[in-house]
Amino acid sequence: MKDNLVKILLKALCWGILAVIAGVIVSIIGNWVAKNPVTFVQQMLNGLQLGFVYAMIAVGYTLVYGVVKLINFAYGDLFMVGAFVSFYGITQYGLSFLPALLLATVACVFLMVIIDRVAYKPLRDAPRIAALITALGMSIFLEYFTALKFVFSPDYIAFIRPFELVTWNVAGVTFTNIQLVIAGVSIVYFVGVQYVVGRTKIGKAMRASAFDKPTARLMGINVNAVIAATFALTGALAGTAAMLYATAYPQIFTFMGIQPGLKAFVAAVIGGIGSIPGAFVGSLIMGFVEAMTVGYVPLGSTLKDGIAFVLLIVMLLIKPTGIFGDPFEETK
């Protein structure tokens, strides 16, 4: 009874603080809209474009954490590999958008499963810190190995878009076909992942494995196969997100996955690590904040990366488990 009361009070306090912060934010946004509504809407669209890309990466982080309790820090570099694979598919083999997207997705699925098999599977029963250090090591290896001249090279490369950029202007607000494609693909993936995790047999096995691996094994679930399937699903998300990101921001290099990967991880923490809707909502918040920082804050283009991590610190101070997180999740 006492624990339940404490839990209710903690939740009420957290949501109360968040409500106050939300009120201040709404007031500030109201002033921005009143001064120049066209600029605000334009920045909001730019933020949504970023947020939808971050969402695909963040969902990958949260899926792996939910099942394996591992922060896969090599995920941003897997994202980078997907961008290069799609680039070479377009330039060397003349692939159009969908075949190049499929190629990047398949390549990232394959690489993610190999990484799991080689680096993570031997550490399944090891302390979490061992797997975390391995993930960091794998991230550094991918960054510097792919920077070699005979792999991808360390140069910045202009990404060739697989389709022509089309721009529309409505009441002074500009949007493009790339933004529509990113939003559509991201929403489809989000709905698809929710369906897989919530409604399918493999999704039930993922949830059972996340809840109690030893009991799941006793019930006949092949936990290692479930974990491999989880990593494969996150690989598909990374490959697709990589090509969409490179199409929207057409410059690629071997360290390009660091910032999107870190920001997507921050978004997953803000939304509640382990929660798929939380990862999606946190990513949209992250994209919105970043775009508004660039549009309205002096030196915003310089400060936008730092603001993302200030947002993380504020969330950790107010509600460490994130917007959709459970304060008692780790003690269950």
C-alpha atoms as a PDB file:
ATOM      1  CA  MET A   1       0.000   0.000   0.000  1.00  0.00           C
ATOM      2  CA  LYS A   2       2.781   2.370   0.985  1.00  0.00           C
ATOM      3  CA  ASP A   3       4.763   1.572  -2.173  1.00  0.00           C
ATOM      4  CA  ASN A   4       1.708   2.236  -4.338  1.00  0.00           C
ATOM      5  CA  LEU A   5       1.146   5.595  -2.634  1.00  0.00           C
ATOM      6  CA  VAL A   6       4.785   6.596  -3.147  1.00  0.00           C
ATOM      7  CA  LYS A   7       4.543   5.545  -6.778  1.00  0.00           C
ATOM      8  CA  ILE A   8       1.419   7.648  -7.324  1.00  0.00           C
ATOM      9  CA  LEU A   9       2.961  10.679  -5.603  1.00  0.00           C
ATOM     10  CA  LEU A  10       6.157  10.408  -7.656  1.00  0.00           C
ATOM     11  CA  LYS A  11       4.217  10.176 -10.886  1.00  0.00           C
ATOM     12  CA  ALA A  12       2.036  13.130  -9.900  1.00  0.00           C
ATOM     13  CA  LEU A  13       5.098  15.226  -9.026  1.00  0.00           C
ATOM     14  CA  CYS A  14       6.855  14.369 -12.293  1.00  0.00           C
ATOM     15  CA  TRP A  15       3.824  15.123 -14.408  1.00  0.00           C
ATOM     16  CA  GLY A  16       3.210  18.351 -12.481  1.00  0.00           C
ATOM     17  CA  ILE A  17       6.719  19.612 -13.213  1.00  0.00           C
ATOM     18  CA  LEU A  18       6.388  18.562 -16.840  1.00  0.00           C
ATOM     19  CA  ALA A  19       3.052  20.402 -17.049  1.00  0.00           C
ATOM     20  CA  VAL A  20       4.659  23.621 -15.784  1.00  0.00           C
ATOM     21  CA  ILE A  21       7.500  23.296 -18.280  1.00  0.00           C
ATOM     22  CA  ALA A  22       4.993  22.548 -21.044  1.00  0.00           C
ATOM     23  CA  GLY A  23       3.048  25.680 -20.108  1.00  0.00           C
ATOM     24  CA  VAL A  24       6.159  27.836 -20.386  1.00  0.00           C
ATOM     25  CA  ILE A  25       7.060  26.239 -23.720  1.00  0.00           C
ATOM     26  CA  VAL A  26       3.541  26.778 -25.084  1.00  0.00           C
ATOM     27  CA  SER A  27       3.724  30.439 -24.050  1.00  0.00           C
ATOM     28  CA  ILE A  28       7.055  30.912 -25.835  1.00  0.00           C
ATOM     29  CA  ILE A  29       5.805  29.115 -28.944  1.00  0.00           C
ATOM     30  CA  GLY A  30       2.666  31.286 -28.909  1.00  0.00           C
ATOM     31  CA  ASN A  31       4.832  34.404 -29.049  1.00  0.00           C
ATOM     32  CA  TRP A  32       6.820  32.960 -31.954  1.00  0.00           C
ATOM     33  CA  VAL A  33       3.651  32.129 -33.878  1.00  0.00           C
ATOM     34  CA  ALA A  34       2.173  35.569 -33.265  1.00  0.00           C
ATOM     35  CA  LYS A  35       5.318  37.358 -34.516  1.00  0.00           C
ATOM     36  CA  ASN A  36       5.852  35.345 -37.695  1.00  0.00           C
ATOM     37  CA  PRO A  37       3.571  32.338 -38.265  1.00  0.00           C
ATOM     38  CA  VAL A  38       5.114  31.450 -41.655  1.00  0.00           C
ATOM     39  CA  THR A  39       8.619  31.138 -40.213  1.00  0.00           C
ATOM     40  CA  PHE A  40       7.310  29.071 -37.321  1.00  0.00           C
ATOM     41  CA  VAL A  41       5.474  26.625 -39.590  1.00  0.00           C
ATOM     42  CA  GLN A  42       8.544  26.350 -41.835  1.00  0.00           C
ATOM     43  CA  GLN A  43      10.786  25.535 -38.882  1.00  0.00           C
ATOM     44  CA  MET A  44       8.210  23.072 -37.577  1.00  0.00           C
ATOM     45  CA  LEU A  45       8.268  21.204 -40.902  1.00  0.00           C
ATOM     46  CA  ASN A  46      12.070  21.132 -40.808  1.00  0.00           C
ATOM     47  CA  GLY A  47      11.897  19.777 -37.261  1.00  0.00           C
ATOM     48  CA  LEU A  48       9.437  17.075 -38.248  1.00  0.00           C
ATOM     49  CA  GLN A  49      11.743  15.992 -41.067  1.00  0.00           C
ATOM     50  CA  LEU A  50      14.592  15.564 -38.584  1.00  0.00           C
ATOM     51  CA  GLY A  51      12.333  14.029 -35.963  1.00  0.00           C
ATOM     52  CA  PHE A  52      10.986  11.329 -38.266  1.00  0.00           C
ATOM     53  CA  VAL A  53      14.540  10.257 -39.164  1.00  0.00           C
ATOM     54  CA  TYR A  54      15.584  10.269 -35.496  1.00  0.00           C
ATOM     55  CA  ALA A  55      12.478   8.217 -34.706  1.00  0.00           C
ATOM     56  CA  MET A  56      13.579   5.295 -36.854  1.00  0.00           C
ATOM     57  CA  ILE A  57      16.989   5.223 -35.172  1.00  0.00           C
ATOM     58  CA  ALA A  58      15.531   5.728 -31.679  1.00  0.00           C
ATOM     59  CA  VAL A  59      13.097   2.848 -32.122  1.00  0.00           C
ATOM     60  CA  GLY A  60      16.104   0.663 -32.987  1.00  0.00           C
ATOM     61  CA  TYR A  61      17.838   1.690 -29.758  1.00  0.00           C
ATOM     62  CA  THR A  62      14.743   1.058 -27.686  1.00  0.00           C
ATOM     63  CA  LEU A  63      14.011  -2.349 -29.231  1.00  0.00           C
ATOM     64  CA  VAL A  64      17.479  -3.669 -28.413  1.00  0.00           C
ATOM     65  CA  TYR A  65      17.396  -2.187 -24.920  1.00  0.00           C
ATOM     66  CA  GLY A  66      13.938  -3.602 -24.284  1.00  0.00           C
ATOM     67  CA  VAL A  67      14.967  -7.171 -25.138  1.00  0.00           C
ATOM     68  CA  VAL A  68      18.684  -7.337 -24.287  1.00  0.00           C
ATOM     69  CA  LYS A  69      19.094  -4.367 -21.892  1.00  0.00           C
ATOM     70  CA  LEU A  70      21.987  -3.201 -24.097  1.00  0.00           C
ATOM     71  CA  ILE A  71      22.669   0.305 -25.373  1.00  0.00           C
ATOM     72  CA  ASN A  72      23.918  -0.496 -28.864  1.00  0.00           C
ATOM     73  CA  PHE A  73      26.359   2.367 -29.402  1.00  0.00           C
ATOM     74  CA  ALA A  74      27.448   0.860 -32.722  1.00  0.00           C
ATOM     75  CA  TYR A  75      23.981   1.646 -34.093  1.00  0.00           C
ATOM     76  CA  GLY A  76      24.892   5.107 -35.411  1.00  0.00           C
ATOM     77  CA  ASP A  77      27.775   3.583 -37.348  1.00  0.00           C
ATOM     78  CA  LEU A  78      25.499   0.914 -38.793  1.00  0.00           C
ATOM     79  CA  PHE A  79      23.401   3.869 -39.977  1.00  0.00           C
ATOM     80  CA  MET A  80      26.518   5.290 -41.674  1.00  0.00           C
ATOM     81  CA  VAL A  81      27.177   1.992 -43.475  1.00  0.00           C
ATOM     82  CA  GLY A  82      23.615   2.023 -44.793  1.00  0.00           C
ATOM     83  CA  ALA A  83      24.128   5.482 -46.274  1.00  0.00           C
ATOM     84  CA  PHE A  84      27.306   4.401 -48.091  1.00  0.00           C
ATOM     85  CA  VAL A  85      25.752   1.182 -49.372  1.00  0.00           C
ATOM     86  CA  SER A  86      22.819   3.111 -50.843  1.00  0.00           C
ATOM     87  CA  PHE A  87      25.248   5.637 -52.350  1.00  0.00           C
ATOM     88  CA  TYR A  88      27.258   2.950 -54.123  1.00  0.00           C
ATOM     89  CA  GLY A  89      24.075   1.220 -55.221  1.00  0.00           C
ATOM     90  CA  ILE A  90      22.923   4.436 -56.897  1.00  0.00           C
ATOM     91  CA  THR A  91      26.268   5.507 -58.394  1.00  0.00           C
ATOM     92  CA  GLN A  92      27.821   2.157 -59.343  1.00  0.00           C
ATOM     93  CA  TYR A  93      24.746   0.162 -60.328  1.00  0.00           C
ATOM     94  CA  GLY A  94      22.285   2.893 -61.289  1.00  0.00           C
ATOM     95  CA  LEU A  95      19.649   1.781 -58.795  1.00  0.00           C
ATOM     96  CA  SER A  96      16.498   3.840 -58.355  1.00  0.00           C
ATOM     97  CA  PHE A  97      15.061   4.820 -54.985  1.00  0.00           C
ATOM     98  CA  LEU A  98      13.278   1.638 -53.928  1.00  0.00           C
ATOM     99  CA  PRO A  99      16.009  -0.867 -55.003  1.00  0.00           C
ATOM    100  CA  ALA A 100      18.684   1.292 -53.336  1.00  0.00           C
ATOM    101  CA  LEU A 101      16.556   1.511 -50.195  1.00  0.00           C
ATOM    102  CA  LEU A 102      16.116  -2.268 -50.199  1.00  0.00           C
ATOM    103  CA  LEU A 103      19.861  -2.791 -50.723  1.00  0.00           C
ATOM    104  CA  ALA A 104      20.763  -0.517 -47.781  1.00  0.00           C
ATOM    105  CA  THR A 105      18.169  -2.209 -45.592  1.00  0.00           C
ATOM    106  CA  VAL A 106      19.348  -5.739 -46.409  1.00  0.00           C
ATOM    107  CA  ALA A 107      23.019  -4.764 -45.945  1.00  0.00           C
ATOM    108  CA  CYS A 108      22.328  -3.279 -42.509  1.00  0.00           C
ATOM    109  CA  VAL A 109      20.251  -6.291 -41.462  1.00  0.00           C
ATOM    110  CA  PHE A 110      23.100  -8.609 -42.460  1.00  0.00           C
ATOM    111  CA  LEU A 111      25.774  -6.499 -40.742  1.00  0.00           C
ATOM    112  CA  MET A 112      23.726  -6.093 -37.563  1.00  0.00           C
ATOM    113  CA  VAL A 113      23.153  -9.842 -37.280  1.00  0.00           C
ATOM    114  CA  ILE A 114      26.888 -10.471 -37.834  1.00  0.00           C
ATOM    115  CA  ILE A 115      27.794  -7.908 -35.147  1.00  0.00           C
ATOM    116  CA  ASP A 116      25.384  -9.549 -32.723  1.00  0.00           C
ATOM    117  CA  ARG A 117      26.757 -13.002 -33.495  1.00  0.00           C
ATOM    118  CA  VAL A 118      30.418 -12.001 -33.194  1.00  0.00           C
ATOM    119  CA  ALA A 119      30.454  -9.287 -30.533  1.00  0.00           C
ATOM    120  CA  TYR A 120      27.290  -9.445 -28.420  1.00  0.00           C
ATOM    121  CA  LYS A 121      26.134 -13.071 -28.276  1.00  0.00           C
ATOM    122  CA  PRO A 122      29.263 -14.335 -26.417  1.00  0.00           C
ATOM    123  CA  LEU A 123      28.506 -11.748 -23.708  1.00  0.00           C
ATOM    124  CA  ARG A 124      24.822 -12.574 -23.181  1.00  0.00           C
ATOM    125  CA  ASP A 125      25.378 -13.718 -19.598  1.00  0.00           C
ATOM    126  CA  ALA A 126      28.243 -11.334 -18.829  1.00  0.00           C
ATOM    127  CA  PRO A 127      27.789  -8.158 -16.748  1.00  0.00           C
ATOM    128  CA  ARG A 128      26.088  -5.346 -18.701  1.00  0.00           C
ATOM    129  CA  ILE A 129      29.213  -3.185 -18.605  1.00  0.00           C
ATOM    130  CA  ALA A 130      31.088  -5.780 -20.687  1.00  0.00           C
ATOM    131  CA  ALA A 131      28.514  -5.638 -23.486  1.00  0.00           C
ATOM    132  CA  LEU A 132      28.420  -1.824 -23.275  1.00  0.00           C
ATOM    133  CA  ILE A 133      32.201  -1.571 -23.669  1.00  0.00           C
ATOM    134  CA  THR A 134      32.036  -4.028 -26.571  1.00  0.00           C
ATOM    135  CA  ALA A 135      29.399  -1.866 -28.260  1.00  0.00           C
ATOM    136  CA  LEU A 136      31.623   1.205 -27.889  1.00  0.00           C
ATOM    137  CA  GLY A 137      34.576  -0.754 -29.286  1.00  0.00           C
ATOM    138  CA  MET A 138      32.517  -1.947 -32.243  1.00  0.00           C
ATOM    139  CA  SER A 139      31.436   1.644 -32.902  1.00  0.00           C
ATOM    140  CA  ILE A 140      35.020   2.912 -32.978  1.00  0.00           C
ATOM    141  CA  PHE A 141      36.113  -0.021 -35.154  1.00  0.00           C
ATOM    142  CA  LEU A 142      33.403   0.653 -37.752  1.00  0.00           C
ATOM    143  CA  GLU A 143      34.208   4.379 -37.867  1.00  0.00           C
ATOM    144  CA  TYR A 144      37.927   3.956 -38.451  1.00  0.00           C
ATOM    145  CA  PHE A 145      37.814   0.787 -40.538  1.00  0.00           C
ATOM    146  CA  THR A 146      35.362   2.297 -43.019  1.00  0.00           C
ATOM    147  CA  ALA A 147      37.531   5.445 -43.190  1.00  0.00           C
ATOM    148  CA  LEU A 148      40.340   3.454 -44.821  1.00  0.00           C
ATOM    149  CA  LYS A 149      41.021   4.313 -48.444  1.00  0.00           C
ATOM    150  CA  PHE A 150      40.164   0.827 -49.700  1.00  0.00           C
ATOM    151  CA  VAL A 151      36.812   0.760 -47.853  1.00  0.00           C
ATOM    152  CA  PHE A 152      34.745   3.991 -47.961  1.00  0.00           C
ATOM    153  CA  SER A 153      37.610   6.541 -47.579  1.00  0.00           C
ATOM    154  CA  PRO A 154      37.700   9.411 -45.054  1.00  0.00           C
ATOM    155  CA  ASP A 155      36.465  11.996 -47.570  1.00  0.00           C
ATOM    156  CA  TYR A 156      33.191  13.878 -47.525  1.00  0.00           C
ATOM    157  CA  ILE A 157      31.127  12.621 -50.450  1.00  0.00           C
ATOM    158  CA  ALA A 158      28.168  14.316 -52.149  1.00  0.00           C
ATOM    159  CA  PHE A 159      25.210  11.929 -52.076  1.00  0.00           C
ATOM    160  CA  ILE A 160      23.371  11.677 -55.385  1.00  0.00           C
ATOM    161  CA  ARG A 161      19.639  11.747 -54.804  1.00  0.00           C
ATOM    162  CA  PRO A 162      17.809   8.854 -56.482  1.00  0.00           C
ATOM    163  CA  PHE A 163      14.911  11.070 -57.510  1.00  0.00           C
ATOM    164  CA  GLU A 164      14.400  14.686 -58.461  1.00  0.00           C
ATOM    165  CA  LEU A 165      13.691  17.200 -55.704  1.00  0.00           C
ATOM    166  CA  VAL A 166      10.199  18.675 -56.031  1.00  0.00           C
ATOM    167  CA  THR A 167       9.283  21.757 -54.008  1.00  0.00           C
ATOM    168  CA  TRP A 168       5.850  23.188 -53.251  1.00  0.00           C
ATOM    169  CA  ASN A 169       5.002  26.559 -51.747  1.00  0.00           C
ATOM    170  CA  VAL A 170       1.749  27.019 -49.863  1.00  0.00           C
ATOM    171  CA  ALA A 171       1.045  30.427 -48.282  1.00  0.00           C
ATOM    172  CA  GLY A 172       4.767  31.117 -48.051  1.00  0.00           C
ATOM    173  CA  VAL A 173       5.614  27.750 -46.480  1.00  0.00           C
ATOM    174  CA  THR A 174       7.928  25.528 -48.521  1.00  0.00           C
ATOM    175  CA  PHE A 175       7.883  21.745 -48.337  1.00  0.00           C
ATOM    176  CA  THR A 176       9.347  19.021 -50.530  1.00  0.00           C
ATOM    177  CA  ASN A 177       8.643  15.526 -51.752  1.00  0.00           C
ATOM    178  CA  ILE A 178      11.592  14.342 -49.614  1.00  0.00           C
ATOM    179  CA  GLN A 179       9.799  15.484 -46.462  1.00  0.00           C
ATOM    180  CA  LEU A 180       6.668  13.616 -47.502  1.00  0.00           C
ATOM    181  CA  VAL A 181       8.633  10.446 -48.250  1.00  0.00           C
ATOM    182  CA  ILE A 182      10.472  10.604 -44.909  1.00  0.00           C
ATOM    183  CA  ALA A 183       7.251  11.176 -42.955  1.00  0.00           C
ATOM    184  CA  GLY A 184       5.397   8.411 -44.796  1.00  0.00           C
ATOM    185  CA  VAL A 185       8.137   5.791 -44.480  1.00  0.00           C
ATOM    186  CA  SER A 186       8.776   6.626 -40.816  1.00  0.00           C
ATOM    187  CA  ILE A 187       5.084   6.329 -39.892  1.00  0.00           C
ATOM    188  CA  VAL A 188       4.767   3.048 -41.810  1.00  0.00           C
ATOM    189  CA  TYR A 189       7.795   1.634 -39.977  1.00  0.00           C
ATOM    190  CA  PHE A 190       6.462   2.818 -36.611  1.00  0.00           C
ATOM    191  CA  VAL A 191       3.072   1.203 -37.185  1.00  0.00           C
ATOM    192  CA  GLY A 192       4.766  -1.928 -38.540  1.00  0.00           C
ATOM    193  CA  VAL A 193       7.090  -2.290 -35.547  1.00  0.00           C
ATOM    194  CA  GLN A 194       4.182  -1.742 -33.165  1.00  0.00           C
ATOM    195  CA  TYR A 195       2.242  -4.459 -34.967  1.00  0.00           C
ATOM    196  CA  VAL A 196       5.166  -6.902 -34.993  1.00  0.00           C
ATOM    197  CA  VAL A 197       5.918  -6.415 -31.296  1.00  0.00           C
ATOM    198  CA  GLY A 198       2.313  -6.340 -30.144  1.00  0.00           C
ATOM    199  CA  ARG A 199       0.466  -8.752 -32.426  1.00  0.00           C
ATOM    200  CA  THR A 200       2.768 -11.356 -33.915  1.00  0.00           C
ATOM    201  CA  LYS A 201       4.258 -14.563 -32.548  1.00  0.00           C
ATOM    202  CA  ILE A 202       7.822 -13.247 -32.748  1.00  0.00           C
ATOM    203  CA  GLY A 203       6.669 -10.065 -30.997  1.00  0.00           C
ATOM    204  CA  LYS A 204       5.195 -12.082 -28.136  1.00  0.00           C
ATOM    205  CA  ALA A 205       8.467 -13.985 -27.911  1.00  0.00           C
ATOM    206  CA  MET A 206      10.360 -10.671 -27.777  1.00  0.00           C
ATOM    207  CA  ARG A 207       8.194  -9.434 -24.919  1.00  0.00           C
ATOM    208  CA  ALA A 208       8.511 -12.730 -23.060  1.00  0.00           C
ATOM    209  CA  SER A 209      12.296 -12.726 -23.493  1.00  0.00           C
ATOM    210  CA  ALA A 210      12.493  -9.120 -22.327  1.00  0.00           C
ATOM    211  CA  PHE A 211      10.444  -9.912 -19.218  1.00  0.00           C
ATOM    212  CA  ASP A 212      12.218 -13.089 -18.082  1.00  0.00           C
ATOM    213  CA  LYS A 213      14.732 -14.898 -20.277  1.00  0.00           C
ATOM    214  CA  PRO A 214      15.175 -18.054 -18.152  1.00  0.00           C
ATOM    215  CA  THR A 215      11.416 -18.596 -17.940  1.00  0.00           C
ATOM    216  CA  ALA A 216      11.059 -17.891 -21.662  1.00  0.00           C
ATOM    217  CA  ARG A 217      13.608 -20.649 -22.344  1.00  0.00           C
ATOM    218  CA  LEU A 218      11.668 -23.048 -20.114  1.00  0.00           C
ATOM    219  CA  MET A 219       8.546 -22.261 -22.149  1.00  0.00           C
ATOM    220  CA  GLY A 220      10.317 -23.384 -25.327  1.00  0.00           C
ATOM    221  CA  ILE A 221      11.300 -19.968 -26.714  1.00  0.00           C
ATOM    222  CA  ASN A 222      14.632 -19.829 -28.521  1.00  0.00           C
ATOM    223  CA  VAL A 223      15.851 -16.666 -26.818  1.00  0.00           C
ATOM    224  CA  ASN A 224      18.992 -16.350 -28.947  1.00  0.00           C
ATOM    225  CA  ALA A 225      16.927 -16.537 -32.143  1.00  0.00           C
ATOM    226  CA  VAL A 226      14.532 -13.917 -30.757  1.00  0.00           C
ATOM    227  CA  ILE A 227      17.420 -11.598 -29.938  1.00  0.00           C
ATOM    228  CA  ALA A 228      18.892 -12.134 -33.423  1.00  0.00           C
ATOM    229  CA  ALA A 229      15.499 -11.265 -34.934  1.00  0.00           C
ATOM    230  CA  THR A 230      15.396  -8.110 -32.812  1.00  0.00           C
ATOM    231  CA  PHE A 231      18.816  -7.031 -34.051  1.00  0.00           C
ATOM    232  CA  ALA A 232      17.745  -7.796 -37.636  1.00  0.00           C
ATOM    233  CA  LEU A 233      14.668  -5.584 -37.231  1.00  0.00           C
ATOM    234  CA  THR A 234      16.796  -2.738 -35.892  1.00  0.00           C
ATOM    235  CA  GLY A 235      19.170  -3.207 -38.828  1.00  0.00           C
ATOM    236  CA  ALA A 236      16.267  -2.684 -41.220  1.00  0.00           C
ATOM    237  CA  LEU A 237      15.339   0.524 -39.407  1.00  0.00           C
ATOM    238  CA  ALA A 238      18.934   1.804 -39.582  1.00  0.00           C
ATOM    239  CA  GLY A 239      19.349   1.030 -43.292  1.00  0.00           C
ATOM    240  CA  THR A 240      16.117   2.752 -44.251  1.00  0.00           C
ATOM    241  CA  ALA A 241      16.768   5.761 -42.011  1.00  0.00           C
ATOM    242  CA  ALA A 242      20.276   6.122 -43.443  1.00  0.00           C
ATOM    243  CA  MET A 243      19.152   6.437 -47.039  1.00  0.00           C
ATOM    244  CA  LEU A 244      16.335   8.833 -46.138  1.00  0.00           C
ATOM    245  CA  TYR A 245      18.745  10.989 -44.130  1.00  0.00           C
ATOM    246  CA  ALA A 246      21.341  11.033 -46.928  1.00  0.00           C
ATOM    247  CA  THR A 247      18.642  11.956 -49.447  1.00  0.00           C
ATOM    248  CA  ALA A 248      17.498  14.869 -47.275  1.00  0.00           C
ATOM    249  CA  TYR A 249      21.012  16.020 -46.319  1.00  0.00           C
ATOM    250  CA  PRO A 250      23.112  14.899 -49.307  1.00  0.00           C
ATOM    251  CA  GLN A 251      26.582  14.631 -47.839  1.00  0.00           C
ATOM    252  CA  ILE A 252      28.031  11.457 -46.349  1.00  0.00           C
ATOM    253  CA  PHE A 253      31.241  10.599 -44.498  1.00  0.00           C
ATOM    254  CA  THR A 254      32.372   7.817 -42.208  1.00  0.00           C
ATOM    255  CA  PHE A 255      31.670   9.721 -38.974  1.00  0.00           C
ATOM    256  CA  MET A 256      28.218  10.883 -40.056  1.00  0.00           C
ATOM    257  CA  GLY A 257      26.427   8.431 -37.748  1.00  0.00           C
ATOM    258  CA  ILE A 258      27.761   9.902 -34.498  1.00  0.00           C
ATOM    259  CA  GLN A 259      25.465  12.913 -34.115  1.00  0.00           C
ATOM    260  CA  PRO A 260      22.227  11.334 -35.430  1.00  0.00           C
ATOM    261  CA  GLY A 261      22.955   8.236 -33.346  1.00  0.00           C
ATOM    262  CA  LEU A 262      23.555  10.194 -30.142  1.00  0.00           C
ATOM    263  CA  LYS A 263      20.539  12.443 -30.690  1.00  0.00           C
ATOM    264  CA  ALA A 264      18.306   9.456 -31.410  1.00  0.00           C
ATOM    265  CA  PHE A 265      19.580   7.823 -28.221  1.00  0.00           C
ATOM    266  CA  VAL A 266      18.777  11.021 -26.303  1.00  0.00           C
ATOM    267  CA  ALA A 267      15.315  11.012 -27.903  1.00  0.00           C
ATOM    268  CA  ALA A 268      14.780   7.407 -26.795  1.00  0.00           C
ATOM    269  CA  VAL A 269      15.776   8.326 -23.219  1.00  0.00           C
ATOM    270  CA  ILE A 270      13.493  11.379 -23.239  1.00  0.00           C
ATOM    271  CA  GLY A 271      10.568   9.281 -24.439  1.00  0.00           C
ATOM    272  CA  GLY A 272      11.393   6.417 -22.077  1.00  0.00           C
ATOM    273  CA  ILE A 273      14.011   3.891 -23.123  1.00  0.00           C
ATOM    274  CA  GLY A 274      12.300   0.587 -23.851  1.00  0.00           C
ATOM    275  CA  SER A 275       9.058   2.269 -25.005  1.00  0.00           C
ATOM    276  CA  ILE A 276       8.426   2.323 -28.761  1.00  0.00           C
ATOM    277  CA  PRO A 277       5.830   5.151 -28.630  1.00  0.00           C
ATOM    278  CA  GLY A 278       8.184   6.966 -26.268  1.00  0.00           C
ATOM    279  CA  ALA A 279      11.042   6.730 -28.775  1.00  0.00           C
ATOM    280  CA  PHE A 280       8.796   8.093 -31.515  1.00  0.00           C
ATOM    281  CA  VAL A 281       7.457  11.003 -29.432  1.00  0.00           C
ATOM    282  CA  GLY A 282      10.891  11.799 -27.997  1.00  0.00           C
ATOM    283  CA  SER A 283      12.342  11.959 -31.519  1.00  0.00           C
ATOM    284  CA  LEU A 284       9.680  14.391 -32.707  1.00  0.00           C
ATOM    285  CA  ILE A 285      10.384  16.556 -29.645  1.00  0.00           C
ATOM    286  CA  MET A 286      14.105  16.388 -30.391  1.00  0.00           C
ATOM    287  CA  GLY A 287      13.641  17.392 -34.037  1.00  0.00           C
ATOM    288  CA  PHE A 288      11.275  20.228 -33.073  1.00  0.00           C
ATOM    289  CA  VAL A 289      13.635  21.626 -30.425  1.00  0.00           C
ATOM    290  CA  GLU A 290      16.606  21.432 -32.777  1.00  0.00           C
ATOM    291  CA  ALA A 291      14.782  23.223 -35.598  1.00  0.00           C
ATOM    292  CA  MET A 292      13.442  25.937 -33.275  1.00  0.00           C
ATOM    293  CA  THR A 293      16.920  26.464 -31.836  1.00  0.00           C
ATOM    294  CA  VAL A 294      18.296  27.056 -35.329  1.00  0.00           C
ATOM    295  CA  GLY A 295      15.395  29.336 -36.263  1.00  0.00           C
ATOM    296  CA  TYR A 296      15.024  31.480 -33.146  1.00  0.00           C
ATOM    297  CA  VAL A 297      18.085  31.254 -30.883  1.00  0.00           C
ATOM    298  CA  PRO A 298      21.132  33.467 -31.602  1.00  0.00           C
ATOM    299  CA  LEU A 299      23.969  31.259 -32.884  1.00  0.00           C
ATOM    300  CA  GLY A 300      21.378  28.479 -33.009  1.00  0.00           C
ATOM    301  CA  SER A 301      23.140  26.517 -35.748  1.00  0.00           C
ATOM    302  CA  THR A 302      26.144  26.257 -33.428  1.00  0.00           C
ATOM    303  CA  LEU A 303      24.149  25.565 -30.280  1.00  0.00           C
ATOM    304  CA  LYS A 304      21.633  23.070 -31.696  1.00  0.00           C
ATOM    305  CA  ASP A 305      23.717  19.999 -30.809  1.00  0.00           C
ATOM    306  CA  GLY A 306      24.313  21.226 -27.266  1.00  0.00           C
ATOM    307  CA  ILE A 307      20.627  22.048 -26.740  1.00  0.00           C
ATOM    308  CA  ALA A 308      19.765  18.413 -27.424  1.00  0.00           C
ATOM    309  CA  PHE A 309      21.894  17.291 -24.504  1.00  0.00           C
ATOM    310  CA  VAL A 310      20.628  20.089 -22.260  1.00  0.00           C
ATOM    311  CA  LEU A 311      17.176  18.656 -22.948  1.00  0.00           C
ATOM    312  CA  LEU A 312      18.473  15.237 -21.854  1.00  0.00           C
ATOM    313  CA  ILE A 313      19.878  16.628 -18.605  1.00  0.00           C
ATOM    314  CA  VAL A 314      16.627  18.411 -17.799  1.00  0.00           C
ATOM    315  CA  MET A 315      14.614  15.250 -18.436  1.00  0.00           C
ATOM    316  CA  LEU A 316      16.950  13.135 -16.289  1.00  0.00           C
ATOM    317  CA  LEU A 317      16.634  15.619 -13.440  1.00  0.00           C
ATOM    318  CA  ILE A 318      12.848  15.761 -13.625  1.00  0.00           C
ATOM    319  CA  LYS A 319      11.850  12.260 -14.744  1.00  0.00           C
ATOM    320  CA  PRO A 320      14.846   9.935 -15.204  1.00  0.00           C
ATOM    321  CA  THR A 321      12.769   7.197 -16.804  1.00  0.00           C
ATOM    322  CA  GLY A 322      11.453   9.469 -19.570  1.00  0.00           C
ATOM    323  CA  ILE A 323       7.966  10.562 -20.574  1.00  0.00           C
ATOM    324  CA  PHE A 324       6.561   7.045 -21.044  1.00  0.00           C
ATOM    325  CA  GLY A 325       8.892   5.303 -18.609  1.00  0.00           C
ATOM    326  CA  ASP A 326       7.932   3.514 -15.407  1.00  0.00           C
ATOM    327  CA  PRO A 327       9.786   4.791 -12.289  1.00  0.00           C
ATOM    328  CA  PHE A 328       9.807   1.251 -10.876  1.00  0.00           C
ATOM    329  CA  GLU A 329      10.683  -0.598 -14.100  1.00  0.00           C
ATOM    330  CA  GLU A 330      14.244  -1.433 -13.067  1.00  0.00           C
ATOM    331  CA  THR A 331      13.151  -2.875  -9.700  1.00  0.00           C
ATOM    332  CA  LYS A 332      10.585  -5.306 -11.090  1.00  0.00           C
END
